[in-house]
Amino acid sequence: MTQPNNCGVDYGNATLAALPACPLNRLQSVLNTGAQSIVGLRFSEHITDALASFHWLRAPERIKFKLAVVVYQALHGTAPQYLSDPL
């Protein structure tokens, strides 16, 4: 099975970092529905294995990971200038 792309779900993680659980649960629901439609699961079936097979993180973990990558790139000079300059 091919790896589906995230179609822009990963953009804007800095704005999502401080959100309470309710909006993150909605984002997770969107990710789950996407994975279910790709794999062909019913709504009542577990999604964990499908997310793992795609190497998708859960919404809060995804946000933390993407922010960590941006900070790493900024500290090592591979991020855009506007992110690297303040550090």
N, C-alpha and C. Protein backbone atom coordinates (compact mmCIF):
# COMPACT_ATOMS: atom_id res chain seq x y z
N MET A 1 0.84 -1.17 0.00
CA MET A 1 0.00 0.00 0.00
C MET A 1 0.89 1.24 0.00
N THR A 2 0.54 2.22 -0.79
CA THR A 2 1.32 3.44 -0.85
C THR A 2 1.02 4.33 0.35
N GLN A 3 1.98 5.17 0.67
CA GLN A 3 1.82 6.09 1.79
C GLN A 3 1.03 7.31 1.33
N PRO A 4 -0.10 7.60 1.94
CA PRO A 4 -0.84 8.81 1.58
C PRO A 4 -0.15 10.04 2.15
N ASN A 5 -0.21 11.14 1.41
CA ASN A 5 0.34 12.37 1.97
C ASN A 5 -0.70 13.00 2.88
N ASN A 6 -0.30 13.98 3.64
CA ASN A 6 -1.19 14.56 4.64
C ASN A 6 -1.99 15.75 4.13
N CYS A 7 -1.83 16.10 2.88
CA CYS A 7 -2.65 17.12 2.23
C CYS A 7 -2.75 18.41 3.04
N GLY A 8 -1.65 18.86 3.58
CA GLY A 8 -1.64 20.13 4.28
C GLY A 8 -1.98 20.07 5.75
N VAL A 9 -2.19 18.89 6.31
CA VAL A 9 -2.53 18.79 7.73
C VAL A 9 -1.38 19.27 8.60
N ASP A 10 -0.15 19.16 8.14
CA ASP A 10 1.01 19.52 8.94
C ASP A 10 1.35 21.00 8.91
N TYR A 11 0.68 21.80 8.12
CA TYR A 11 1.00 23.21 8.05
C TYR A 11 0.38 23.97 9.21
N GLY A 12 1.12 24.93 9.74
CA GLY A 12 0.59 25.77 10.80
C GLY A 12 0.61 25.13 12.17
N ASN A 13 1.56 24.25 12.44
CA ASN A 13 1.61 23.57 13.72
C ASN A 13 1.87 24.51 14.89
N ALA A 14 2.55 25.60 14.66
CA ALA A 14 2.81 26.55 15.75
C ALA A 14 1.51 27.12 16.29
N THR A 15 0.54 27.31 15.44
CA THR A 15 -0.75 27.84 15.90
C THR A 15 -1.57 26.79 16.63
N LEU A 16 -1.25 25.52 16.40
CA LEU A 16 -1.99 24.45 17.04
C LEU A 16 -1.38 24.01 18.37
N ALA A 17 -0.18 24.48 18.68
CA ALA A 17 0.58 23.97 19.83
C ALA A 17 -0.11 24.20 21.17
N ALA A 18 -0.82 25.28 21.34
CA ALA A 18 -1.40 25.59 22.64
C ALA A 18 -2.91 25.36 22.69
N LEU A 19 -3.43 24.64 21.72
CA LEU A 19 -4.88 24.42 21.71
C LEU A 19 -5.31 23.46 22.81
N PRO A 20 -6.50 23.66 23.34
CA PRO A 20 -7.03 22.70 24.31
C PRO A 20 -7.41 21.39 23.61
N ALA A 21 -7.80 20.42 24.40
CA ALA A 21 -8.04 19.07 23.88
C ALA A 21 -9.19 19.01 22.87
N CYS A 22 -10.22 19.79 23.02
CA CYS A 22 -11.39 19.69 22.14
C CYS A 22 -11.05 19.92 20.67
N PRO A 23 -10.37 21.01 20.30
CA PRO A 23 -10.01 21.18 18.89
C PRO A 23 -9.03 20.11 18.39
N LEU A 24 -8.14 19.67 19.26
CA LEU A 24 -7.21 18.61 18.87
C LEU A 24 -7.95 17.31 18.62
N ASN A 25 -8.99 17.05 19.40
CA ASN A 25 -9.81 15.86 19.18
C ASN A 25 -10.51 15.93 17.82
N ARG A 26 -10.93 17.12 17.44
CA ARG A 26 -11.56 17.29 16.12
C ARG A 26 -10.56 17.04 15.01
N LEU A 27 -9.34 17.56 15.17
CA LEU A 27 -8.29 17.31 14.18
C LEU A 27 -7.99 15.82 14.10
N GLN A 28 -7.92 15.16 15.25
CA GLN A 28 -7.67 13.72 15.28
C GLN A 28 -8.79 12.98 14.58
N SER A 29 -10.01 13.45 14.74
CA SER A 29 -11.15 12.83 14.07
C SER A 29 -11.02 12.92 12.55
N VAL A 30 -10.54 14.07 12.07
CA VAL A 30 -10.33 14.24 10.63
C VAL A 30 -9.25 13.27 10.14
N LEU A 31 -8.16 13.16 10.89
CA LEU A 31 -7.09 12.22 10.52
C LEU A 31 -7.61 10.78 10.51
N ASN A 32 -8.38 10.43 11.53
CA ASN A 32 -8.93 9.08 11.61
C ASN A 32 -9.86 8.78 10.44
N THR A 33 -10.71 9.73 10.10
CA THR A 33 -11.64 9.54 9.00
C THR A 33 -10.89 9.38 7.68
N GLY A 34 -9.84 10.17 7.50
CA GLY A 34 -9.02 10.02 6.29
C GLY A 34 -8.38 8.65 6.20
N ALA A 35 -7.82 8.19 7.30
CA ALA A 35 -7.20 6.86 7.31
C ALA A 35 -8.24 5.78 7.10
N GLN A 36 -9.41 5.93 7.69
CA GLN A 36 -10.47 4.94 7.51
C GLN A 36 -10.91 4.86 6.05
N SER A 37 -11.01 6.00 5.40
CA SER A 37 -11.45 5.99 4.01
C SER A 37 -10.38 5.41 3.09
N ILE A 38 -9.12 5.63 3.41
CA ILE A 38 -8.03 5.07 2.60
C ILE A 38 -7.98 3.56 2.74
N VAL A 39 -8.08 3.08 3.98
CA VAL A 39 -7.97 1.65 4.25
C VAL A 39 -9.28 0.92 3.98
N GLY A 40 -10.40 1.62 4.07
CA GLY A 40 -11.70 1.00 3.86
C GLY A 40 -12.30 0.42 5.13
N LEU A 41 -11.97 1.02 6.27
CA LEU A 41 -12.52 0.56 7.54
C LEU A 41 -13.90 1.15 7.77
N ARG A 42 -14.69 0.44 8.55
CA ARG A 42 -15.96 0.98 9.00
C ARG A 42 -15.70 1.92 10.17
N PHE A 43 -16.68 2.77 10.44
CA PHE A 43 -16.54 3.74 11.53
C PHE A 43 -16.31 3.05 12.87
N SER A 44 -16.89 1.87 13.06
CA SER A 44 -16.81 1.18 14.34
C SER A 44 -15.50 0.40 14.53
N GLU A 45 -14.70 0.26 13.48
CA GLU A 45 -13.46 -0.51 13.58
C GLU A 45 -12.32 0.37 14.10
N HIS A 46 -11.37 -0.27 14.77
CA HIS A 46 -10.24 0.46 15.35
C HIS A 46 -9.33 1.03 14.27
N ILE A 47 -8.81 2.21 14.53
CA ILE A 47 -8.00 2.93 13.56
C ILE A 47 -6.51 2.85 13.88
N THR A 48 -6.15 2.40 15.07
CA THR A 48 -4.76 2.44 15.53
C THR A 48 -3.82 1.74 14.57
N ASP A 49 -4.17 0.56 14.12
CA ASP A 49 -3.29 -0.18 13.21
C ASP A 49 -3.11 0.53 11.87
N ALA A 50 -4.19 1.15 11.37
CA ALA A 50 -4.10 1.89 10.11
C ALA A 50 -3.17 3.10 10.26
N LEU A 51 -3.29 3.83 11.36
CA LEU A 51 -2.41 4.98 11.59
C LEU A 51 -0.96 4.53 11.69
N ALA A 52 -0.73 3.42 12.37
CA ALA A 52 0.63 2.90 12.51
C ALA A 52 1.18 2.44 11.16
N SER A 53 0.35 1.84 10.33
CA SER A 53 0.83 1.37 9.02
C SER A 53 1.21 2.54 8.11
N PHE A 54 0.57 3.69 8.30
CA PHE A 54 0.91 4.89 7.53
C PHE A 54 2.04 5.69 8.19
N HIS A 55 2.45 5.28 9.39
CA HIS A 55 3.45 6.01 10.19
C HIS A 55 2.94 7.40 10.55
N TRP A 56 1.64 7.50 10.83
CA TRP A 56 1.03 8.75 11.25
C TRP A 56 1.03 8.82 12.76
N LEU A 57 1.38 9.97 13.30
CA LEU A 57 1.29 10.21 14.73
C LEU A 57 -0.10 10.74 15.06
N ARG A 58 -0.47 10.63 16.31
CA ARG A 58 -1.72 11.25 16.77
C ARG A 58 -1.53 12.77 16.73
N ALA A 59 -2.61 13.51 16.73
CA ALA A 59 -2.57 14.97 16.53
C ALA A 59 -1.62 15.68 17.50
N PRO A 60 -1.70 15.47 18.83
CA PRO A 60 -0.79 16.19 19.72
C PRO A 60 0.68 15.80 19.50
N GLU A 61 0.93 14.53 19.23
CA GLU A 61 2.30 14.07 18.98
C GLU A 61 2.82 14.64 17.67
N ARG A 62 1.96 14.72 16.66
CA ARG A 62 2.33 15.27 15.36
C ARG A 62 2.76 16.74 15.50
N ILE A 63 2.00 17.50 16.28
CA ILE A 63 2.31 18.92 16.47
C ILE A 63 3.64 19.09 17.18
N LYS A 64 3.86 18.33 18.26
CA LYS A 64 5.13 18.42 18.99
C LYS A 64 6.30 18.03 18.11
N PHE A 65 6.14 16.98 17.32
CA PHE A 65 7.22 16.53 16.44
C PHE A 65 7.56 17.59 15.41
N LYS A 66 6.55 18.15 14.75
CA LYS A 66 6.81 19.15 13.72
C LYS A 66 7.45 20.41 14.30
N LEU A 67 7.05 20.82 15.50
CA LEU A 67 7.68 21.96 16.15
C LEU A 67 9.13 21.65 16.51
N ALA A 68 9.39 20.44 16.97
CA ALA A 68 10.76 20.04 17.29
C ALA A 68 11.64 20.06 16.05
N VAL A 69 11.11 19.63 14.92
CA VAL A 69 11.87 19.65 13.67
C VAL A 69 12.19 21.08 13.26
N VAL A 70 11.24 21.98 13.38
CA VAL A 70 11.47 23.38 13.02
C VAL A 70 12.53 24.01 13.93
N VAL A 71 12.46 23.73 15.23
CA VAL A 71 13.47 24.27 16.16
C VAL A 71 14.84 23.70 15.84
N TYR A 72 14.92 22.41 15.57
CA TYR A 72 16.19 21.79 15.20
C TYR A 72 16.78 22.46 13.96
N GLN A 73 15.93 22.65 12.93
CA GLN A 73 16.40 23.29 11.71
C GLN A 73 16.84 24.72 11.96
N ALA A 74 16.12 25.44 12.81
CA ALA A 74 16.49 26.83 13.11
C ALA A 74 17.83 26.88 13.83
N LEU A 75 18.05 25.97 14.75
CA LEU A 75 19.31 25.97 15.50
C LEU A 75 20.50 25.54 14.65
N HIS A 76 20.24 24.75 13.61
CA HIS A 76 21.32 24.26 12.76
C HIS A 76 21.42 24.98 11.42
N GLY A 77 20.70 26.08 11.27
CA GLY A 77 20.84 26.93 10.10
C GLY A 77 20.18 26.42 8.83
N THR A 78 19.29 25.47 8.91
CA THR A 78 18.62 24.97 7.72
C THR A 78 17.17 25.44 7.62
N ALA A 79 16.73 26.21 8.57
CA ALA A 79 15.37 26.76 8.55
C ALA A 79 15.39 28.08 7.80
N PRO A 80 14.24 28.59 7.41
CA PRO A 80 14.20 29.92 6.78
C PRO A 80 14.80 30.99 7.70
N GLN A 81 15.33 32.02 7.10
CA GLN A 81 16.02 33.09 7.82
C GLN A 81 15.16 33.71 8.92
N TYR A 82 13.87 33.91 8.65
CA TYR A 82 13.02 34.56 9.65
C TYR A 82 12.85 33.72 10.90
N LEU A 83 13.10 32.41 10.83
CA LEU A 83 13.06 31.57 12.02
C LEU A 83 14.42 31.48 12.69
N SER A 84 15.47 31.49 11.92
CA SER A 84 16.82 31.33 12.46
C SER A 84 17.32 32.60 13.14
N ASP A 85 16.97 33.76 12.63
CA ASP A 85 17.49 35.03 13.17
C ASP A 85 17.17 35.25 14.65
N PRO A 86 15.94 35.05 15.10
CA PRO A 86 15.67 35.29 16.52
C PRO A 86 16.44 34.36 17.45
N LEU A 87 16.82 33.19 16.97
CA LEU A 87 17.57 32.26 17.83
C LEU A 87 19.04 32.55 17.77
